[in-house]
C-alpha atoms as a PDB file:
ATOM      1  CA  UNK A   1     118.962  83.297 113.206  1.00  0.00           C
ATOM      2  CA  UNK A   2     118.248  83.929 116.863  1.00  0.00           C
ATOM      3  CA  UNK A   3     117.115  81.376 119.284  1.00  0.00           C
ATOM      4  CA  UNK A   4     113.591  79.943 118.515  1.00  0.00           C
ATOM      5  CA  UNK A   5     110.739  80.476 120.957  1.00  0.00           C
ATOM      6  CA  UNK A   6     109.756  77.126 122.496  1.00  0.00           C
ATOM      7  CA  UNK A   7     106.200  76.165 122.866  1.00  0.00           C
ATOM      8  CA  UNK A   8     104.731  74.244 125.868  1.00  0.00           C
ATOM      9  CA  UNK A   9     104.570  70.422 126.006  1.00  0.00           C
ATOM     10  CA  UNK A  10     100.833  70.536 124.780  1.00  0.00           C
ATOM     11  CA  UNK A  11     101.922  72.637 121.739  1.00  0.00           C
ATOM     12  CA  UNK A  12     100.226  75.675 123.135  1.00  0.00           C
ATOM     13  CA  UNK A  13     101.680  79.164 123.103  1.00  0.00           C
ATOM     14  CA  UNK A  14     100.247  82.393 124.685  1.00  0.00           C
ATOM     15  CA  UNK A  15     101.321  85.856 123.532  1.00  0.00           C
ATOM     16  CA  UNK A  16     100.325  89.042 125.664  1.00  0.00           C
ATOM     17  CA  UNK A  17     100.487  92.111 123.870  1.00  0.00           C
ATOM     18  CA  UNK A  18     100.939  95.679 125.236  1.00  0.00           C
ATOM     19  CA  UNK A  19     100.603  98.760 123.060  1.00  0.00           C
ATOM     20  CA  UNK A  20     100.696 102.447 123.541  1.00  0.00           C
ATOM     21  CA  UNK A  21     101.700 102.443 127.114  1.00  0.00           C
ATOM     22  CA  UNK A  22     103.184 106.120 126.474  1.00  0.00           C
ATOM     23  CA  UNK A  23     105.336 105.819 129.761  1.00  0.00           C
ATOM     24  CA  UNK A  24     106.708 109.231 130.606  1.00  0.00           C
ATOM     25  CA  UNK A  25     108.310 109.694 134.126  1.00  0.00           C
ATOM     26  CA  UNK A  26     106.718 107.297 136.395  1.00  0.00           C
ATOM     27  CA  UNK A  27     103.522 109.533 137.158  1.00  0.00           C
ATOM     28  CA  UNK A  28     100.120 108.159 138.168  1.00  0.00           C
ATOM     29  CA  UNK A  29      99.115 107.261 134.772  1.00  0.00           C
ATOM     30  CA  UNK A  30     102.497 105.233 134.317  1.00  0.00           C
ATOM     31  CA  UNK A  31     101.773 103.334 137.526  1.00  0.00           C
ATOM     32  CA  UNK A  32      98.216 102.488 136.456  1.00  0.00           C
ATOM     33  CA  UNK A  33      99.881 101.043 133.331  1.00  0.00           C
ATOM     34  CA  UNK A  34     102.288  99.007 135.446  1.00  0.00           C
ATOM     35  CA  UNK A  35      99.356  97.614 137.444  1.00  0.00           C
ATOM     36  CA  UNK A  36      97.436  96.740 134.357  1.00  0.00           C
ATOM     37  CA  UNK A  37     100.493  94.889 132.932  1.00  0.00           C
ATOM     38  CA  UNK A  38     101.035  92.889 136.157  1.00  0.00           C
ATOM     39  CA  UNK A  39      97.483  91.955 136.223  1.00  0.00           C
ATOM     40  CA  UNK A  40      97.525  90.568 132.619  1.00  0.00           C
ATOM     41  CA  UNK A  41     100.774  88.735 133.278  1.00  0.00           C
ATOM     42  CA  UNK A  42      99.385  87.083 136.441  1.00  0.00           C
ATOM     43  CA  UNK A  43      96.257  86.217 134.709  1.00  0.00           C
ATOM     44  CA  UNK A  44      97.580  84.875 131.356  1.00  0.00           C
ATOM     45  CA  UNK A  45     100.926  83.583 132.303  1.00  0.00           C
ATOM     46  CA  UNK A  46     102.083  84.254 128.790  1.00  0.00           C
ATOM     47  CA  UNK A  47     105.000  82.611 126.916  1.00  0.00           C
ATOM     48  CA  UNK A  48     105.786  85.721 125.089  1.00  0.00           C
ATOM     49  CA  UNK A  49     105.112  89.353 125.619  1.00  0.00           C
ATOM     50  CA  UNK A  50     105.053  91.803 122.645  1.00  0.00           C
ATOM     51  CA  UNK A  51     105.456  95.599 123.108  1.00  0.00           C
ATOM     52  CA  UNK A  52     103.706  96.859 119.961  1.00  0.00           C
ATOM     53  CA  UNK A  53     104.985 100.526 119.897  1.00  0.00           C
ATOM     54  CA  UNK A  54     104.730 103.834 121.627  1.00  0.00           C
ATOM     55  CA  UNK A  55     106.068 102.072 124.706  1.00  0.00           C
ATOM     56  CA  UNK A  56     107.325 105.379 125.875  1.00  0.00           C
ATOM     57  CA  UNK A  57     106.336 109.057 125.051  1.00  0.00           C
ATOM     58  CA  UNK A  58     109.740 110.027 124.080  1.00  0.00           C
ATOM     59  CA  UNK A  59     109.296 113.713 123.949  1.00  0.00           C
ATOM     60  CA  UNK A  60     107.949 113.912 127.384  1.00  0.00           C
ATOM     61  CA  UNK A  61     110.524 111.806 129.105  1.00  0.00           C
ATOM     62  CA  UNK A  62     113.278 113.569 131.167  1.00  0.00           C
ATOM     63  CA  UNK A  63     115.644 110.355 130.454  1.00  0.00           C
ATOM     64  CA  UNK A  64     114.133 108.168 127.716  1.00  0.00           C
ATOM     65  CA  UNK A  65     116.489 105.202 128.571  1.00  0.00           C
ATOM     66  CA  UNK A  66     115.347 105.152 132.209  1.00  0.00           C
ATOM     67  CA  UNK A  67     111.708 105.546 131.173  1.00  0.00           C
ATOM     68  CA  UNK A  68     112.093 102.606 128.729  1.00  0.00           C
ATOM     69  CA  UNK A  69     113.628 100.520 131.404  1.00  0.00           C
ATOM     70  CA  UNK A  70     110.764 101.371 133.884  1.00  0.00           C
ATOM     71  CA  UNK A  71     107.959 100.771 131.225  1.00  0.00           C
ATOM     72  CA  UNK A  72     109.387  97.252 130.495  1.00  0.00           C
ATOM     73  CA  UNK A  73     110.147  96.499 134.034  1.00  0.00           C
ATOM     74  CA  UNK A  74     106.849  94.410 134.797  1.00  0.00           C
ATOM     75  CA  UNK A  75     108.157  92.059 132.155  1.00  0.00           C
ATOM     76  CA  UNK A  76     111.992  92.147 132.595  1.00  0.00           C
ATOM     77  CA  UNK A  77     111.555  91.558 136.271  1.00  0.00           C
ATOM     78  CA  UNK A  78     109.728  88.214 135.539  1.00  0.00           C
ATOM     79  CA  UNK A  79     112.536  87.187 133.233  1.00  0.00           C
ATOM     80  CA  UNK A  80     109.802  86.430 130.415  1.00  0.00           C
ATOM     81  CA  UNK A  81     110.807  86.310 126.719  1.00  0.00           C
ATOM     82  CA  UNK A  82     109.787  89.506 125.013  1.00  0.00           C
ATOM     83  CA  UNK A  83     110.056  91.435 121.911  1.00  0.00           C
ATOM     84  CA  UNK A  84     109.065  94.934 120.669  1.00  0.00           C
ATOM     85  CA  UNK A  85     108.594  97.223 117.676  1.00  0.00           C
ATOM     86  CA  UNK A  86     108.741 101.010 117.787  1.00  0.00           C
ATOM     87  CA  UNK A  87     105.963 103.313 117.291  1.00  0.00           C
ATOM     88  CA  UNK A  88     105.742 107.093 116.154  1.00  0.00           C
ATOM     89  CA  UNK A  89     106.321 108.484 119.708  1.00  0.00           C
ATOM     90  CA  UNK A  90     109.192 106.153 121.039  1.00  0.00           C
ATOM     91  CA  UNK A  91     111.972 108.199 119.604  1.00  0.00           C
ATOM     92  CA  UNK A  92     110.685 111.672 119.876  1.00  0.00           C
ATOM     93  CA  UNK A  93     112.953 112.582 122.820  1.00  0.00           C
ATOM     94  CA  UNK A  94     116.730 112.606 123.052  1.00  0.00           C
ATOM     95  CA  UNK A  95     117.382 108.805 121.995  1.00  0.00           C
ATOM     96  CA  UNK A  96     116.607 107.649 118.469  1.00  0.00           C
ATOM     97  CA  UNK A  97     115.475 104.227 117.480  1.00  0.00           C
ATOM     98  CA  UNK A  98     119.114 102.828 117.562  1.00  0.00           C
ATOM     99  CA  UNK A  99     119.854 103.901 120.820  1.00  0.00           C
ATOM    100  CA  UNK A 100     116.523 102.656 122.244  1.00  0.00           C
ATOM    101  CA  UNK A 101     117.178  99.301 120.753  1.00  0.00           C
ATOM    102  CA  UNK A 102     120.545  99.165 122.482  1.00  0.00           C
ATOM    103  CA  UNK A 103     118.729  99.731 125.738  1.00  0.00           C
ATOM    104  CA  UNK A 104     116.163  96.960 125.134  1.00  0.00           C
ATOM    105  CA  UNK A 105     118.590  94.399 123.949  1.00  0.00           C
ATOM    106  CA  UNK A 106     120.655  94.859 127.230  1.00  0.00           C
ATOM    107  CA  UNK A 107     117.617  93.949 129.217  1.00  0.00           C
ATOM    108  CA  UNK A 108     116.762  90.508 130.551  1.00  0.00           C
ATOM    109  CA  UNK A 109     114.467  88.263 128.231  1.00  0.00           C
ATOM    110  CA  UNK A 110     114.968  90.465 125.171  1.00  0.00           C
ATOM    111  CA  UNK A 111     114.330  88.689 121.888  1.00  0.00           C
ATOM    112  CA  UNK A 112     114.344  91.746 119.773  1.00  0.00           C
ATOM    113  CA  UNK A 113     117.043  92.929 117.430  1.00  0.00           C
ATOM    114  CA  UNK A 114     117.873  95.848 115.205  1.00  0.00           C
ATOM    115  CA  UNK A 115     117.647  93.705 111.992  1.00  0.00           C
ATOM    116  CA  UNK A 116     119.513  94.220 108.720  1.00  0.00           C
ATOM    117  CA  UNK A 117     121.208  97.709 108.686  1.00  0.00           C
ATOM    118  CA  UNK A 118     120.397  97.911 105.017  1.00  0.00           C
ATOM    119  CA  UNK A 119     116.590  97.905 105.642  1.00  0.00           C
ATOM    120  CA  UNK A 120     114.462 100.971 106.364  1.00  0.00           C
ATOM    121  CA  UNK A 121     113.753 101.441 110.066  1.00  0.00           C
ATOM    122  CA  UNK A 122     115.281  99.748 113.089  1.00  0.00           C
ATOM    123  CA  UNK A 123     113.654  96.387 114.432  1.00  0.00           C
ATOM    124  CA  UNK A 124     112.880  94.322 111.290  1.00  0.00           C
ATOM    125  CA  UNK A 125     113.139  90.621 112.236  1.00  0.00           C
ATOM    126  CA  UNK A 126     111.361  87.304 112.578  1.00  0.00           C
ATOM    127  CA  UNK A 127     111.060  84.729 115.228  1.00  0.00           C
ATOM    128  CA  UNK A 128     109.808  81.242 114.945  1.00  0.00           C
ATOM    129  CA  UNK A 129     107.638  79.229 117.656  1.00  0.00           C
ATOM    130  CA  UNK A 130     108.743  75.689 117.642  1.00  0.00           C
ATOM    131  CA  UNK A 131     107.240  72.810 119.509  1.00  0.00           C
ATOM    132  CA  UNK A 132     109.158  70.498 121.990  1.00  0.00           C
ATOM    133  CA  UNK A 133     110.000  68.102 119.102  1.00  0.00           C
ATOM    134  CA  UNK A 134     111.423  70.987 116.903  1.00  0.00           C
ATOM    135  CA  UNK A 135     108.507  71.392 114.601  1.00  0.00           C
ATOM    136  CA  UNK A 136     107.784  75.036 113.454  1.00  0.00           C
ATOM    137  CA  UNK A 137     104.394  76.069 114.842  1.00  0.00           C
ATOM    138  CA  UNK A 138     104.262  79.690 113.718  1.00  0.00           C
ATOM    139  CA  UNK A 139     106.505  82.547 112.292  1.00  0.00           C
ATOM    140  CA  UNK A 140     106.285  85.970 114.036  1.00  0.00           C
ATOM    141  CA  UNK A 141     107.276  88.998 111.866  1.00  0.00           C
ATOM    142  CA  UNK A 142     108.088  92.307 113.343  1.00  0.00           C
ATOM    143  CA  UNK A 143     108.497  95.400 111.100  1.00  0.00           C
ATOM    144  CA  UNK A 144     109.223  98.834 111.711  1.00  0.00           C
ATOM    145  CA  UNK A 145     106.364 101.106 110.533  1.00  0.00           C
ATOM    146  CA  UNK A 146     108.263 104.281 111.052  1.00  0.00           C
ATOM    147  CA  UNK A 147     106.591 107.471 112.244  1.00  0.00           C
ATOM    148  CA  UNK A 148     105.319 110.273 110.096  1.00  0.00           C
ATOM    149  CA  UNK A 149     105.344 110.493 106.227  1.00  0.00           C
ATOM    150  CA  UNK A 150     108.473 112.070 104.899  1.00  0.00           C
ATOM    151  CA  UNK A 151     106.751 113.520 101.915  1.00  0.00           C
ATOM    152  CA  UNK A 152     104.209 116.371 101.304  1.00  0.00           C
ATOM    153  CA  UNK A 153     101.234 113.907 101.424  1.00  0.00           C
ATOM    154  CA  UNK A 154     101.409 114.249 105.195  1.00  0.00           C
ATOM    155  CA  UNK A 155      99.953 111.750 107.775  1.00  0.00           C
ATOM    156  CA  UNK A 156     101.638 108.639 109.123  1.00  0.00           C
ATOM    157  CA  UNK A 157     104.396 106.860 107.506  1.00  0.00           C
ATOM    158  CA  UNK A 158     104.251 103.454 105.837  1.00  0.00           C
ATOM    159  CA  UNK A 159     106.139 100.149 105.508  1.00  0.00           C
ATOM    160  CA  UNK A 160     108.929 100.521 102.645  1.00  0.00           C
ATOM    161  CA  UNK A 161     109.276  98.401  99.616  1.00  0.00           C
ATOM    162  CA  UNK A 162     112.749  97.151 100.725  1.00  0.00           C
ATOM    163  CA  UNK A 163     111.066  95.798 104.002  1.00  0.00           C
ATOM    164  CA  UNK A 164     108.359  94.174 101.974  1.00  0.00           C
ATOM    165  CA  UNK A 165     111.065  92.501  99.623  1.00  0.00           C
ATOM    166  CA  UNK A 166     112.916  91.260 102.851  1.00  0.00           C
ATOM    167  CA  UNK A 167     109.633  89.976 104.324  1.00  0.00           C
ATOM    168  CA  UNK A 168     108.931  87.934 101.008  1.00  0.00           C
ATOM    169  CA  UNK A 169     112.511  86.715 100.795  1.00  0.00           C
ATOM    170  CA  UNK A 170     112.461  85.493 104.509  1.00  0.00           C
ATOM    171  CA  UNK A 171     109.047  84.082 104.206  1.00  0.00           C
ATOM    172  CA  UNK A 172     110.163  82.162 101.034  1.00  0.00           C
ATOM    173  CA  UNK A 173     113.328  80.786 102.925  1.00  0.00           C
ATOM    174  CA  UNK A 174     111.111  79.736 105.945  1.00  0.00           C
ATOM    175  CA  UNK A 175     108.483  78.149 103.806  1.00  0.00           C
ATOM    176  CA  UNK A 176     111.296  76.125 101.997  1.00  0.00           C
ATOM    177  CA  UNK A 177     112.577  74.982 105.305  1.00  0.00           C
ATOM    178  CA  UNK A 178     109.429  74.275 107.439  1.00  0.00           C
ATOM    179  CA  UNK A 179     106.719  73.904 104.788  1.00  0.00           C
ATOM    180  CA  UNK A 180     104.073  76.498 103.648  1.00  0.00           C
ATOM    181  CA  UNK A 181     101.420  75.406 106.149  1.00  0.00           C
ATOM    182  CA  UNK A 182     103.003  77.088 109.037  1.00  0.00           C
ATOM    183  CA  UNK A 183     100.736  80.082 110.159  1.00  0.00           C
ATOM    184  CA  UNK A 184     102.360  83.417 110.686  1.00  0.00           C
ATOM    185  CA  UNK A 185     101.660  86.772 112.662  1.00  0.00           C
ATOM    186  CA  UNK A 186     102.692  90.120 111.595  1.00  0.00           C
ATOM    187  CA  UNK A 187     103.454  92.892 114.161  1.00  0.00           C
ATOM    188  CA  UNK A 188     103.786  96.614 113.459  1.00  0.00           C
ATOM    189  CA  UNK A 189     102.623  99.887 115.180  1.00  0.00           C
ATOM    190  CA  UNK A 190     100.993 101.927 112.546  1.00  0.00           C
ATOM    191  CA  UNK A 191      97.895 100.016 111.010  1.00  0.00           C
ATOM    192  CA  UNK A 192      97.853  99.014 107.425  1.00  0.00           C
ATOM    193  CA  UNK A 193      95.488 100.767 105.312  1.00  0.00           C
ATOM    194  CA  UNK A 194      93.320  97.556 105.139  1.00  0.00           C
ATOM    195  CA  UNK A 195      92.134  98.184 108.674  1.00  0.00           C
ATOM    196  CA  UNK A 196      89.969 100.913 107.515  1.00  0.00           C
ATOM    197  CA  UNK A 197      88.358  98.451 105.000  1.00  0.00           C
ATOM    198  CA  UNK A 198      87.752  95.875 107.754  1.00  0.00           C
ATOM    199  CA  UNK A 199      85.794  98.560 109.778  1.00  0.00           C
ATOM    200  CA  UNK A 200      83.953  99.862 106.659  1.00  0.00           C
ATOM    201  CA  UNK A 201      83.012  96.548 105.047  1.00  0.00           C
ATOM    202  CA  UNK A 202      82.890  93.739 107.594  1.00  0.00           C
ATOM    203  CA  UNK A 203      81.047  92.939 110.845  1.00  0.00           C
ATOM    204  CA  UNK A 204      83.371  93.958 113.746  1.00  0.00           C
ATOM    205  CA  UNK A 205      83.055  93.303 117.393  1.00  0.00           C
ATOM    206  CA  UNK A 206      84.439  95.160 120.592  1.00  0.00           C
ATOM    207  CA  UNK A 207      84.838  99.019 120.908  1.00  0.00           C
ATOM    208  CA  UNK A 208      86.378 101.733 118.767  1.00  0.00           C
ATOM    209  CA  UNK A 209      86.565 105.005 120.267  1.00  0.00           C
ATOM    210  CA  UNK A 210      88.637 106.939 117.609  1.00  0.00           C
ATOM    211  CA  UNK A 211      89.734 106.878 114.021  1.00  0.00           C
ATOM    212  CA  UNK A 212      92.091 104.276 112.737  1.00  0.00           C
ATOM    213  CA  UNK A 213      95.378 106.000 112.160  1.00  0.00           C
ATOM    214  CA  UNK A 214      96.362 104.416 108.980  1.00  0.00           C
ATOM    215  CA  UNK A 215      99.029 105.949 106.485  1.00  0.00           C
ATOM    216  CA  UNK A 216      97.465 107.785 103.314  1.00  0.00           C
ATOM    217  CA  UNK A 217      99.719 105.549 101.091  1.00  0.00           C
ATOM    218  CA  UNK A 218      99.172 101.846 100.691  1.00  0.00           C
ATOM    219  CA  UNK A 219     102.543 100.267 100.084  1.00  0.00           C
ATOM    220  CA  UNK A 220     101.245  96.837  99.493  1.00  0.00           C
ATOM    221  CA  UNK A 221     102.377  94.882 102.615  1.00  0.00           C
ATOM    222  CA  UNK A 222      98.962  93.188 102.856  1.00  0.00           C
ATOM    223  CA  UNK A 223      98.706  92.205  99.341  1.00  0.00           C
ATOM    224  CA  UNK A 224     102.156  90.637  99.233  1.00  0.00           C
ATOM    225  CA  UNK A 225     101.160  87.788 101.563  1.00  0.00           C
ATOM    226  CA  UNK A 226      98.645  85.865  99.701  1.00  0.00           C
ATOM    227  CA  UNK A 227      99.530  82.541 101.207  1.00  0.00           C
ATOM    228  CA  UNK A 228      99.001  83.837 104.778  1.00  0.00           C
ATOM    229  CA  UNK A 229      95.782  85.321 103.925  1.00  0.00           C
ATOM    230  CA  UNK A 230      94.634  81.934 102.431  1.00  0.00           C
ATOM    231  CA  UNK A 231      95.685  80.265 105.708  1.00  0.00           C
ATOM    232  CA  UNK A 232      93.727  82.995 107.623  1.00  0.00           C
ATOM    233  CA  UNK A 233      90.567  82.335 105.506  1.00  0.00           C
ATOM    234  CA  UNK A 234      90.878  78.512 106.303  1.00  0.00           C
ATOM    235  CA  UNK A 235      90.937  79.484 110.039  1.00  0.00           C
ATOM    236  CA  UNK A 236      87.845  81.556 109.623  1.00  0.00           C
ATOM    237  CA  UNK A 237      85.859  78.460 108.763  1.00  0.00           C
ATOM    238  CA  UNK A 238      83.107  76.833 110.649  1.00  0.00           C
ATOM    239  CA  UNK A 239      85.010  75.723 113.492  1.00  0.00           C
ATOM    240  CA  UNK A 240      86.465  79.082 114.294  1.00  0.00           C
ATOM    241  CA  UNK A 241      82.988  80.543 113.941  1.00  0.00           C
ATOM    242  CA  UNK A 242      81.697  78.134 116.405  1.00  0.00           C
ATOM    243  CA  UNK A 243      84.580  79.002 118.916  1.00  0.00           C
ATOM    244  CA  UNK A 244      83.650  82.715 118.482  1.00  0.00           C
ATOM    245  CA  UNK A 245      80.002  82.060 119.303  1.00  0.00           C
ATOM    246  CA  UNK A 246      80.727  79.906 122.300  1.00  0.00           C
ATOM    247  CA  UNK A 247      83.046  82.652 123.619  1.00  0.00           C
ATOM    248  CA  UNK A 248      80.314  85.426 122.848  1.00  0.00           C
ATOM    249  CA  UNK A 249      77.843  83.556 124.846  1.00  0.00           C
ATOM    250  CA  UNK A 250      80.125  83.089 127.780  1.00  0.00           C
ATOM    251  CA  UNK A 251      81.317  86.835 127.621  1.00  0.00           C
ATOM    252  CA  UNK A 252      78.640  88.814 126.203  1.00  0.00           C
ATOM    253  CA  UNK A 253      80.210  92.188 127.048  1.00  0.00           C
ATOM    254  CA  UNK A 254      83.160  91.478 125.003  1.00  0.00           C
ATOM    255  CA  UNK A 255      81.188  91.396 121.792  1.00  0.00           C
ATOM    256  CA  UNK A 256      78.929  94.142 120.476  1.00  0.00           C
ATOM    257  CA  UNK A 257      78.114  93.527 116.814  1.00  0.00           C
ATOM    258  CA  UNK A 258      78.295  96.218 114.328  1.00  0.00           C
ATOM    259  CA  UNK A 259      76.308  95.747 111.127  1.00  0.00           C
ATOM    260  CA  UNK A 260      77.864  95.926 107.750  1.00  0.00           C
ATOM    261  CA  UNK A 261      77.890  99.299 105.972  1.00  0.00           C
ATOM    262  CA  UNK A 262      76.629  98.970 102.272  1.00  0.00           C
ATOM    263  CA  UNK A 263      75.285 102.374 101.489  1.00  0.00           C
ATOM    264  CA  UNK A 264      77.759 104.567  99.423  1.00  0.00           C
ATOM    265  CA  UNK A 265      77.653 108.299  99.226  1.00  0.00           C
ATOM    266  CA  UNK A 266      79.584 110.302  96.696  1.00  0.00           C
ATOM    267  CA  UNK A 267      81.743 107.129  95.977  1.00  0.00           C
ATOM    268  CA  UNK A 268      82.811 107.056  99.693  1.00  0.00           C
ATOM    269  CA  UNK A 269      81.604 105.100 102.459  1.00  0.00           C
ATOM    270  CA  UNK A 270      79.336 106.729 105.056  1.00  0.00           C
ATOM    271  CA  UNK A 271      81.187 107.871 108.206  1.00  0.00           C
ATOM    272  CA  UNK A 272      80.612 105.722 111.124  1.00  0.00           C
ATOM    273  CA  UNK A 273      79.758 106.648 114.634  1.00  0.00           C
ATOM    274  CA  UNK A 274      82.783 105.860 116.942  1.00  0.00           C
ATOM    275  CA  UNK A 275      80.837 103.615 119.137  1.00  0.00           C
ATOM    276  CA  UNK A 276      81.871 100.180 118.534  1.00  0.00           C
ATOM    277  CA  UNK A 277      85.176  98.328 117.491  1.00  0.00           C
ATOM    278  CA  UNK A 278      87.291  96.783 115.027  1.00  0.00           C
ATOM    279  CA  UNK A 279      88.870  93.871 116.748  1.00  0.00           C
ATOM    280  CA  UNK A 280      88.438  90.074 116.781  1.00  0.00           C
ATOM    281  CA  UNK A 281      90.326  87.235 118.315  1.00  0.00           C
ATOM    282  CA  UNK A 282      91.216  84.566 115.714  1.00  0.00           C
ATOM    283  CA  UNK A 283      93.731  81.820 115.009  1.00  0.00           C
ATOM    284  CA  UNK A 284      95.587  79.005 116.748  1.00  0.00           C
ATOM    285  CA  UNK A 285      97.645  81.166 118.945  1.00  0.00           C
ATOM    286  CA  UNK A 286      96.101  82.673 122.068  1.00  0.00           C
ATOM    287  CA  UNK A 287      96.578  86.257 121.917  1.00  0.00           C
ATOM    288  CA  UNK A 288      95.978  88.828 124.758  1.00  0.00           C
ATOM    289  CA  UNK A 289      96.093  92.498 123.957  1.00  0.00           C
ATOM    290  CA  UNK A 290      96.145  95.444 126.499  1.00  0.00           C
ATOM    291  CA  UNK A 291      96.609  99.145 126.307  1.00  0.00           C
ATOM    292  CA  UNK A 292      98.226 101.343 128.959  1.00  0.00           C
ATOM    293  CA  UNK A 293      96.668 103.702 131.288  1.00  0.00           C
ATOM    294  CA  UNK A 294      96.723 106.472 128.835  1.00  0.00           C
ATOM    295  CA  UNK A 295      94.510 106.396 125.896  1.00  0.00           C
ATOM    296  CA  UNK A 296      95.891 104.334 123.055  1.00  0.00           C
ATOM    297  CA  UNK A 297      96.123 106.191 119.937  1.00  0.00           C
ATOM    298  CA  UNK A 298      97.986 104.566 117.058  1.00  0.00           C
ATOM    299  CA  UNK A 299      98.738 100.913 117.891  1.00  0.00           C
ATOM    300  CA  UNK A 300      98.015  98.506 115.196  1.00  0.00           C
ATOM    301  CA  UNK A 301      98.097  95.533 117.534  1.00  0.00           C
ATOM    302  CA  UNK A 302      98.669  92.054 115.926  1.00  0.00           C
ATOM    303  CA  UNK A 303      97.332  90.709 112.790  1.00  0.00           C
ATOM    304  CA  UNK A 304      97.740  87.834 110.703  1.00  0.00           C
ATOM    305  CA  UNK A 305     100.844  88.078 108.556  1.00  0.00           C
ATOM    306  CA  UNK A 306      99.959  90.557 105.904  1.00  0.00           C
ATOM    307  CA  UNK A 307      97.098  92.369 107.767  1.00  0.00           C
END
């Protein structure tokens, strides 16, 4: 097990997440992405940075290794701890996932790893945030959601059954060691199918400018984590709602309510106007997310373990 991530003396831990940077060869859009990352890092002073996939647009990079180093430079230059998962565009150039992982693990502050060789994909691993007294505060799971479906069904790929089995076995061991009340976060690039259900059936806040790019196959990752979902429901109790209301009063521009859709047509939900959003901040850990200068297309962001 790799070195644990250490929380602050007051038991707080801030995670900044960057997704869909799509760095190419250092052009103007890349420099805007770097400026945005610098601004977020200056403002938030995070304890950990997560790169949630499509860090580079591999097929457009003259040298994918150099582009990856440049994309990560705002973080590696500060010697901050950071981790990463792969998206569907990172390995479209001359370097595959294994080679890109070697580039990352050689850089300062990297806490990512390839993960078990027997598992599907590259970059399946877990990190635990611990307090200064050694108490586990949170488990952070990172899984490779792959790229495109390898069957005739088309669309995007999905988390495989052996990855889910590894997650369940790892969670069971961690629960036995640290107890079952430790919260967890799960990170992957391609969104789980349940993201569409959240958008279609629940009130959401923020902005959503394009379809959610989920796989057409639901392999069951969300359903396999009932304990984490029970914990998430506890966090969505009255206290969390009060915190959300207070934040909405202070920052009304961040919250644009979207009413629930209840009408069905031909056993399918009515299509929604892509004018609002599907994101919401929840949980004990302070999580800051930002996209790069180019339009984000596929990033799943971070979600509580199992969705």
